[in-house]
Structure formats: structure tokens, C-alpha cells
Amino acid sequence: MSDKTMATEKKDFTASSLATAAGVHYSHIARLCREGKLDCQKFGNYWLISHEVGAAWLAARKAKSQP
């Protein structure tokens, strides 16, 4: 894989990494995943959220918090 490809590759979020980006506890993200409110996949003990879904959720959360 070339350096250019690696630089443009988007990484998926874990519940923990998305929680850190949003400033919430990881259990909040895990609950959203369990309840089906966030499109996630469970792999072992980890919830994985696609980059697109996670970025959209973060943007919606940010827009919601602005007056």
C-alpha cells in the first residue's frame, strides 16, 4: 500500500474512540449500538462503527449542541 493510499484511508471507530471524540463515556456509545440507534457491528468485545456513520453522528451531535 502506498503512502498516498494510507493517508487517504479512513479508519473505523470503536465505541471507545468515538466516545473520546464526542467527549462522552464509551458505555453511552455501546448502549446506542445495543439499542440499534447507531449502526454498529460487534466483534468480540468491541463495537465497530464505520467512519462514515461515526462522522455523521459526531456532526449531528455538534449541530444539536449549537444554539
PDB file of N, CA and C in Angstrom:
ATOM      1  N   MET A   1       0.846  -1.182   0.000  1.00  0.00           N
ATOM      2  CA  MET A   1       0.000   0.000   0.000  1.00  0.00           C
ATOM      3  C   MET A   1       0.888   1.240   0.000  1.00  0.00           C
ATOM      4  N   SER A   2       0.595   2.168  -0.872  1.00  0.00           N
ATOM      5  CA  SER A   2       1.429   3.355  -0.984  1.00  0.00           C
ATOM      6  C   SER A   2       1.124   4.345   0.135  1.00  0.00           C
ATOM      7  N   ASP A   3       2.032   5.305   0.323  1.00  0.00           N
ATOM      8  CA  ASP A   3       1.844   6.332   1.350  1.00  0.00           C
ATOM      9  C   ASP A   3       0.604   7.166   1.062  1.00  0.00           C
ATOM     10  N   LYS A   4       0.345   7.435  -0.216  1.00  0.00           N
ATOM     11  CA  LYS A   4      -0.817   8.237  -0.590  1.00  0.00           C
ATOM     12  C   LYS A   4      -2.113   7.521  -0.214  1.00  0.00           C
ATOM     13  N   THR A   5      -2.174   6.225  -0.449  1.00  0.00           N
ATOM     14  CA  THR A   5      -3.360   5.438  -0.104  1.00  0.00           C
ATOM     15  C   THR A   5      -3.562   5.418   1.405  1.00  0.00           C
ATOM     16  N   MET A   6      -2.495   5.250   2.157  1.00  0.00           N
ATOM     17  CA  MET A   6      -2.602   5.200   3.610  1.00  0.00           C
ATOM     18  C   MET A   6      -3.075   6.533   4.167  1.00  0.00           C
ATOM     19  N   ALA A   7      -2.665   7.621   3.559  1.00  0.00           N
ATOM     20  CA  ALA A   7      -3.028   8.941   4.065  1.00  0.00           C
ATOM     21  C   ALA A   7      -4.507   9.238   3.836  1.00  0.00           C
ATOM     22  N   THR A   8      -5.079   8.684   2.769  1.00  0.00           N
ATOM     23  CA  THR A   8      -6.481   8.954   2.472  1.00  0.00           C
ATOM     24  C   THR A   8      -7.414   7.889   3.034  1.00  0.00           C
ATOM     25  N   GLU A   9      -6.864   6.806   3.569  1.00  0.00           N
ATOM     26  CA  GLU A   9      -7.679   5.735   4.127  1.00  0.00           C
ATOM     27  C   GLU A   9      -8.339   6.215   5.419  1.00  0.00           C
ATOM     28  N   LYS A  10      -9.643   5.986   5.526  1.00  0.00           N
ATOM     29  CA  LYS A  10     -10.378   6.408   6.705  1.00  0.00           C
ATOM     30  C   LYS A  10     -10.551   5.223   7.633  1.00  0.00           C
ATOM     31  N   LYS A  11     -10.279   5.426   8.890  1.00  0.00           N
ATOM     32  CA  LYS A  11     -10.357   4.363   9.884  1.00  0.00           C
ATOM     33  C   LYS A  11     -11.742   4.308  10.498  1.00  0.00           C
ATOM     34  N   ASP A  12     -12.171   3.100  10.828  1.00  0.00           N
ATOM     35  CA  ASP A  12     -13.420   2.924  11.540  1.00  0.00           C
ATOM     36  C   ASP A  12     -13.225   3.321  13.003  1.00  0.00           C
ATOM     37  N   PHE A  13     -14.320   3.636  13.657  1.00  0.00           N
ATOM     38  CA  PHE A  13     -14.291   3.972  15.070  1.00  0.00           C
ATOM     39  C   PHE A  13     -14.597   2.734  15.903  1.00  0.00           C
ATOM     40  N   THR A  14     -14.020   2.667  17.097  1.00  0.00           N
ATOM     41  CA  THR A  14     -14.504   1.751  18.122  1.00  0.00           C
ATOM     42  C   THR A  14     -15.420   2.579  19.006  1.00  0.00           C
ATOM     43  N   ALA A  15     -16.182   1.922  19.870  1.00  0.00           N
ATOM     44  CA  ALA A  15     -17.045   2.668  20.786  1.00  0.00           C
ATOM     45  C   ALA A  15     -16.188   3.613  21.630  1.00  0.00           C
ATOM     46  N   SER A  16     -15.027   3.157  22.027  1.00  0.00           N
ATOM     47  CA  SER A  16     -14.138   3.972  22.854  1.00  0.00           C
ATOM     48  C   SER A  16     -13.588   5.181  22.103  1.00  0.00           C
ATOM     49  N   SER A  17     -13.151   4.979  20.858  1.00  0.00           N
ATOM     50  CA  SER A  17     -12.579   6.101  20.113  1.00  0.00           C
ATOM     51  C   SER A  17     -13.644   7.125  19.726  1.00  0.00           C
ATOM     52  N   LEU A  18     -14.858   6.664  19.412  1.00  0.00           N
ATOM     53  CA  LEU A  18     -15.943   7.591  19.098  1.00  0.00           C
ATOM     54  C   LEU A  18     -16.354   8.360  20.350  1.00  0.00           C
ATOM     55  N   ALA A  19     -16.379   7.673  21.481  1.00  0.00           N
ATOM     56  CA  ALA A  19     -16.712   8.334  22.750  1.00  0.00           C
ATOM     57  C   ALA A  19     -15.687   9.414  23.086  1.00  0.00           C
ATOM     58  N   THR A  20     -14.430   9.124  22.887  1.00  0.00           N
ATOM     59  CA  THR A  20     -13.378  10.100  23.142  1.00  0.00           C
ATOM     60  C   THR A  20     -13.550  11.319  22.242  1.00  0.00           C
ATOM     61  N   ALA A  21     -13.848  11.083  20.973  1.00  0.00           N
ATOM     62  CA  ALA A  21     -14.040  12.187  20.030  1.00  0.00           C
ATOM     63  C   ALA A  21     -15.251  13.040  20.404  1.00  0.00           C
ATOM     64  N   ALA A  22     -16.284  12.403  20.986  1.00  0.00           N
ATOM     65  CA  ALA A  22     -17.515  13.122  21.330  1.00  0.00           C
ATOM     66  C   ALA A  22     -17.496  13.680  22.748  1.00  0.00           C
ATOM     67  N   GLY A  23     -16.542  13.233  23.555  1.00  0.00           N
ATOM     68  CA  GLY A  23     -16.472  13.703  24.944  1.00  0.00           C
ATOM     69  C   GLY A  23     -17.515  13.040  25.839  1.00  0.00           C
ATOM     70  N   VAL A  24     -17.851  11.781  25.533  1.00  0.00           N
ATOM     71  CA  VAL A  24     -18.797  11.030  26.353  1.00  0.00           C
ATOM     72  C   VAL A  24     -18.138   9.724  26.799  1.00  0.00           C
ATOM     73  N   HIS A  25     -18.777   9.009  27.717  1.00  0.00           N
ATOM     74  CA  HIS A  25     -18.254   7.734  28.189  1.00  0.00           C
ATOM     75  C   HIS A  25     -18.522   6.660  27.142  1.00  0.00           C
ATOM     76  N   TYR A  26     -17.611   5.699  27.018  1.00  0.00           N
ATOM     77  CA  TYR A  26     -17.765   4.678  25.987  1.00  0.00           C
ATOM     78  C   TYR A  26     -19.036   3.854  26.175  1.00  0.00           C
ATOM     79  N   SER A  27     -19.526   3.731  27.405  1.00  0.00           N
ATOM     80  CA  SER A  27     -20.735   2.945  27.639  1.00  0.00           C
ATOM     81  C   SER A  27     -21.958   3.603  26.981  1.00  0.00           C
ATOM     82  N   HIS A  28     -21.923   4.920  26.806  1.00  0.00           N
ATOM     83  CA  HIS A  28     -23.008   5.619  26.114  1.00  0.00           C
ATOM     84  C   HIS A  28     -23.059   5.172  24.651  1.00  0.00           C
ATOM     85  N   ILE A  29     -21.902   5.094  24.012  1.00  0.00           N
ATOM     86  CA  ILE A  29     -21.835   4.652  22.618  1.00  0.00           C
ATOM     87  C   ILE A  29     -22.234   3.184  22.520  1.00  0.00           C
ATOM     88  N   ALA A  30     -21.759   2.356  23.440  1.00  0.00           N
ATOM     89  CA  ALA A  30     -22.105   0.930  23.436  1.00  0.00           C
ATOM     90  C   ALA A  30     -23.618   0.750  23.597  1.00  0.00           C
ATOM     91  N   ARG A  31     -24.243   1.560  24.432  1.00  0.00           N
ATOM     92  CA  ARG A  31     -25.691   1.485  24.612  1.00  0.00           C
ATOM     93  C   ARG A  31     -26.415   1.847  23.317  1.00  0.00           C
ATOM     94  N   LEU A  32     -25.957   2.919  22.643  1.00  0.00           N
ATOM     95  CA  LEU A  32     -26.556   3.297  21.368  1.00  0.00           C
ATOM     96  C   LEU A  32     -26.440   2.157  20.356  1.00  0.00           C
ATOM     97  N   CYS A  33     -25.321   1.464  20.372  1.00  0.00           N
ATOM     98  CA  CYS A  33     -25.125   0.322  19.472  1.00  0.00           C
ATOM     99  C   CYS A  33     -26.073  -0.824  19.836  1.00  0.00           C
ATOM    100  N   ARG A  34     -26.136  -1.171  21.113  1.00  0.00           N
ATOM    101  CA  ARG A  34     -27.017  -2.260  21.552  1.00  0.00           C
ATOM    102  C   ARG A  34     -28.474  -1.979  21.223  1.00  0.00           C
ATOM    103  N   GLU A  35     -28.889  -0.720  21.364  1.00  0.00           N
ATOM    104  CA  GLU A  35     -30.281  -0.343  21.129  1.00  0.00           C
ATOM    105  C   GLU A  35     -30.590  -0.121  19.649  1.00  0.00           C
ATOM    106  N   GLY A  36     -29.571  -0.209  18.789  1.00  0.00           N
ATOM    107  CA  GLY A  36     -29.777  -0.043  17.364  1.00  0.00           C
ATOM    108  C   GLY A  36     -29.924   1.407  16.925  1.00  0.00           C
ATOM    109  N   LYS A  37     -29.564   2.345  17.789  1.00  0.00           N
ATOM    110  CA  LYS A  37     -29.666   3.764  17.458  1.00  0.00           C
ATOM    111  C   LYS A  37     -28.451   4.256  16.689  1.00  0.00           C
ATOM    112  N   LEU A  38     -27.419   3.439  16.650  1.00  0.00           N
ATOM    113  CA  LEU A  38     -26.203   3.740  15.909  1.00  0.00           C
ATOM    114  C   LEU A  38     -25.837   2.460  15.162  1.00  0.00           C
ATOM    115  N   ASP A  39     -25.554   2.561  13.885  1.00  0.00           N
ATOM    116  CA  ASP A  39     -25.263   1.386  13.071  1.00  0.00           C
ATOM    117  C   ASP A  39     -23.860   0.874  13.400  1.00  0.00           C
ATOM    118  N   CYS A  40     -23.790  -0.231  14.124  1.00  0.00           N
ATOM    119  CA  CYS A  40     -22.517  -0.784  14.599  1.00  0.00           C
ATOM    120  C   CYS A  40     -22.477  -2.284  14.346  1.00  0.00           C
ATOM    121  N   GLN A  41     -21.281  -2.839  14.440  1.00  0.00           N
ATOM    122  CA  GLN A  41     -21.097  -4.279  14.390  1.00  0.00           C
ATOM    123  C   GLN A  41     -20.270  -4.676  15.593  1.00  0.00           C
ATOM    124  N   LYS A  42     -20.619  -5.798  16.197  1.00  0.00           N
ATOM    125  CA  LYS A  42     -19.882  -6.275  17.355  1.00  0.00           C
ATOM    126  C   LYS A  42     -18.879  -7.338  16.914  1.00  0.00           C
ATOM    127  N   PHE A  43     -17.631  -7.156  17.281  1.00  0.00           N
ATOM    128  CA  PHE A  43     -16.565  -8.112  17.026  1.00  0.00           C
ATOM    129  C   PHE A  43     -15.928  -8.446  18.361  1.00  0.00           C
ATOM    130  N   GLY A  44     -16.254  -9.609  18.893  1.00  0.00           N
ATOM    131  CA  GLY A  44     -15.743  -9.976  20.212  1.00  0.00           C
ATOM    132  C   GLY A  44     -16.303  -9.032  21.256  1.00  0.00           C
ATOM    133  N   ASN A  45     -15.416  -8.353  21.959  1.00  0.00           N
ATOM    134  CA  ASN A  45     -15.832  -7.396  22.980  1.00  0.00           C
ATOM    135  C   ASN A  45     -15.870  -5.966  22.469  1.00  0.00           C
ATOM    136  N   TYR A  46     -15.696  -5.767  21.181  1.00  0.00           N
ATOM    137  CA  TYR A  46     -15.600  -4.425  20.616  1.00  0.00           C
ATOM    138  C   TYR A  46     -16.774  -4.102  19.706  1.00  0.00           C
ATOM    139  N   TRP A  47     -17.263  -2.883  19.812  1.00  0.00           N
ATOM    140  CA  TRP A  47     -18.234  -2.358  18.871  1.00  0.00           C
ATOM    141  C   TRP A  47     -17.456  -1.570  17.833  1.00  0.00           C
ATOM    142  N   LEU A  48     -17.694  -1.837  16.555  1.00  0.00           N
ATOM    143  CA  LEU A  48     -17.051  -1.099  15.476  1.00  0.00           C
ATOM    144  C   LEU A  48     -18.102  -0.288  14.735  1.00  0.00           C
ATOM    145  N   ILE A  49     -17.770   0.960  14.484  1.00  0.00           N
ATOM    146  CA  ILE A  49     -18.651   1.894  13.796  1.00  0.00           C
ATOM    147  C   ILE A  49     -17.884   2.385  12.574  1.00  0.00           C
ATOM    148  N   SER A  50     -18.510   2.341  11.401  1.00  0.00           N
ATOM    149  CA  SER A  50     -17.817   2.802  10.194  1.00  0.00           C
ATOM    150  C   SER A  50     -17.479   4.287  10.329  1.00  0.00           C
ATOM    151  N   HIS A  51     -16.468   4.694   9.592  1.00  0.00           N
ATOM    152  CA  HIS A  51     -16.038   6.091   9.650  1.00  0.00           C
ATOM    153  C   HIS A  51     -17.177   7.022   9.237  1.00  0.00           C
ATOM    154  N   GLU A  52     -17.911   6.645   8.208  1.00  0.00           N
ATOM    155  CA  GLU A  52     -18.999   7.489   7.706  1.00  0.00           C
ATOM    156  C   GLU A  52     -20.097   7.657   8.755  1.00  0.00           C
ATOM    157  N   VAL A  53     -20.501   6.558   9.387  1.00  0.00           N
ATOM    158  CA  VAL A  53     -21.554   6.609  10.402  1.00  0.00           C
ATOM    159  C   VAL A  53     -21.089   7.412  11.615  1.00  0.00           C
ATOM    160  N   GLY A  54     -19.865   7.160  12.064  1.00  0.00           N
ATOM    161  CA  GLY A  54     -19.329   7.870  13.221  1.00  0.00           C
ATOM    162  C   GLY A  54     -19.186   9.361  12.970  1.00  0.00           C
ATOM    163  N   ALA A  55     -18.682   9.723  11.794  1.00  0.00           N
ATOM    164  CA  ALA A  55     -18.514  11.138  11.461  1.00  0.00           C
ATOM    165  C   ALA A  55     -19.873  11.835  11.365  1.00  0.00           C
ATOM    166  N   ALA A  56     -20.867  11.145  10.787  1.00  0.00           N
ATOM    167  CA  ALA A  56     -22.206  11.730  10.680  1.00  0.00           C
ATOM    168  C   ALA A  56     -22.822  11.920  12.067  1.00  0.00           C
ATOM    169  N   TRP A  57     -22.629  10.948  12.957  1.00  0.00           N
ATOM    170  CA  TRP A  57     -23.155  11.048  14.318  1.00  0.00           C
ATOM    171  C   TRP A  57     -22.489  12.204  15.067  1.00  0.00           C
ATOM    172  N   LEU A  58     -21.176  12.340  14.911  1.00  0.00           N
ATOM    173  CA  LEU A  58     -20.464  13.446  15.556  1.00  0.00           C
ATOM    174  C   LEU A  58     -20.957  14.797  15.033  1.00  0.00           C
ATOM    175  N   ALA A  59     -21.154  14.913  13.727  1.00  0.00           N
ATOM    176  CA  ALA A  59     -21.621  16.158  13.131  1.00  0.00           C
ATOM    177  C   ALA A  59     -23.034  16.490  13.624  1.00  0.00           C
ATOM    178  N   ALA A  60     -23.903  15.490  13.698  1.00  0.00           N
ATOM    179  CA  ALA A  60     -25.265  15.722  14.173  1.00  0.00           C
ATOM    180  C   ALA A  60     -25.258  16.127  15.641  1.00  0.00           C
ATOM    181  N   ARG A  61     -24.390  15.514  16.423  1.00  0.00           N
ATOM    182  CA  ARG A  61     -24.286  15.843  17.852  1.00  0.00           C
ATOM    183  C   ARG A  61     -23.796  17.285  18.021  1.00  0.00           C
ATOM    184  N   LYS A  62     -22.820  17.668  17.205  1.00  0.00           N
ATOM    185  CA  LYS A  62     -22.276  19.023  17.279  1.00  0.00           C
ATOM    186  C   LYS A  62     -23.339  20.043  16.867  1.00  0.00           C
ATOM    187  N   ALA A  63     -24.085  19.764  15.798  1.00  0.00           N
ATOM    188  CA  ALA A  63     -25.123  20.676  15.324  1.00  0.00           C
ATOM    189  C   ALA A  63     -26.239  20.816  16.350  1.00  0.00           C
ATOM    190  N   LYS A  64     -26.548  19.708  17.025  1.00  0.00           N
ATOM    191  CA  LYS A  64     -27.605  19.706  18.036  1.00  0.00           C
ATOM    192  C   LYS A  64     -27.225  20.556  19.254  1.00  0.00           C
ATOM    193  N   SER A  65     -25.938  20.568  19.589  1.00  0.00           N
ATOM    194  CA  SER A  65     -25.499  21.290  20.777  1.00  0.00           C
ATOM    195  C   SER A  65     -25.311  22.794  20.546  1.00  0.00           C
ATOM    196  N   GLN A  66     -25.276  23.214  19.272  1.00  0.00           N
ATOM    197  CA  GLN A  66     -25.117  24.634  18.978  1.00  0.00           C
ATOM    198  C   GLN A  66     -26.486  25.326  19.010  1.00  0.00           C
ATOM    199  N   PRO A  67     -26.545  26.542  19.561  1.00  0.00           N
ATOM    200  CA  PRO A  67     -27.832  27.244  19.643  1.00  0.00           C
ATOM    201  C   PRO A  67     -28.393  27.648  18.300  1.00  0.00           C
TER     202      PRO A  67
END
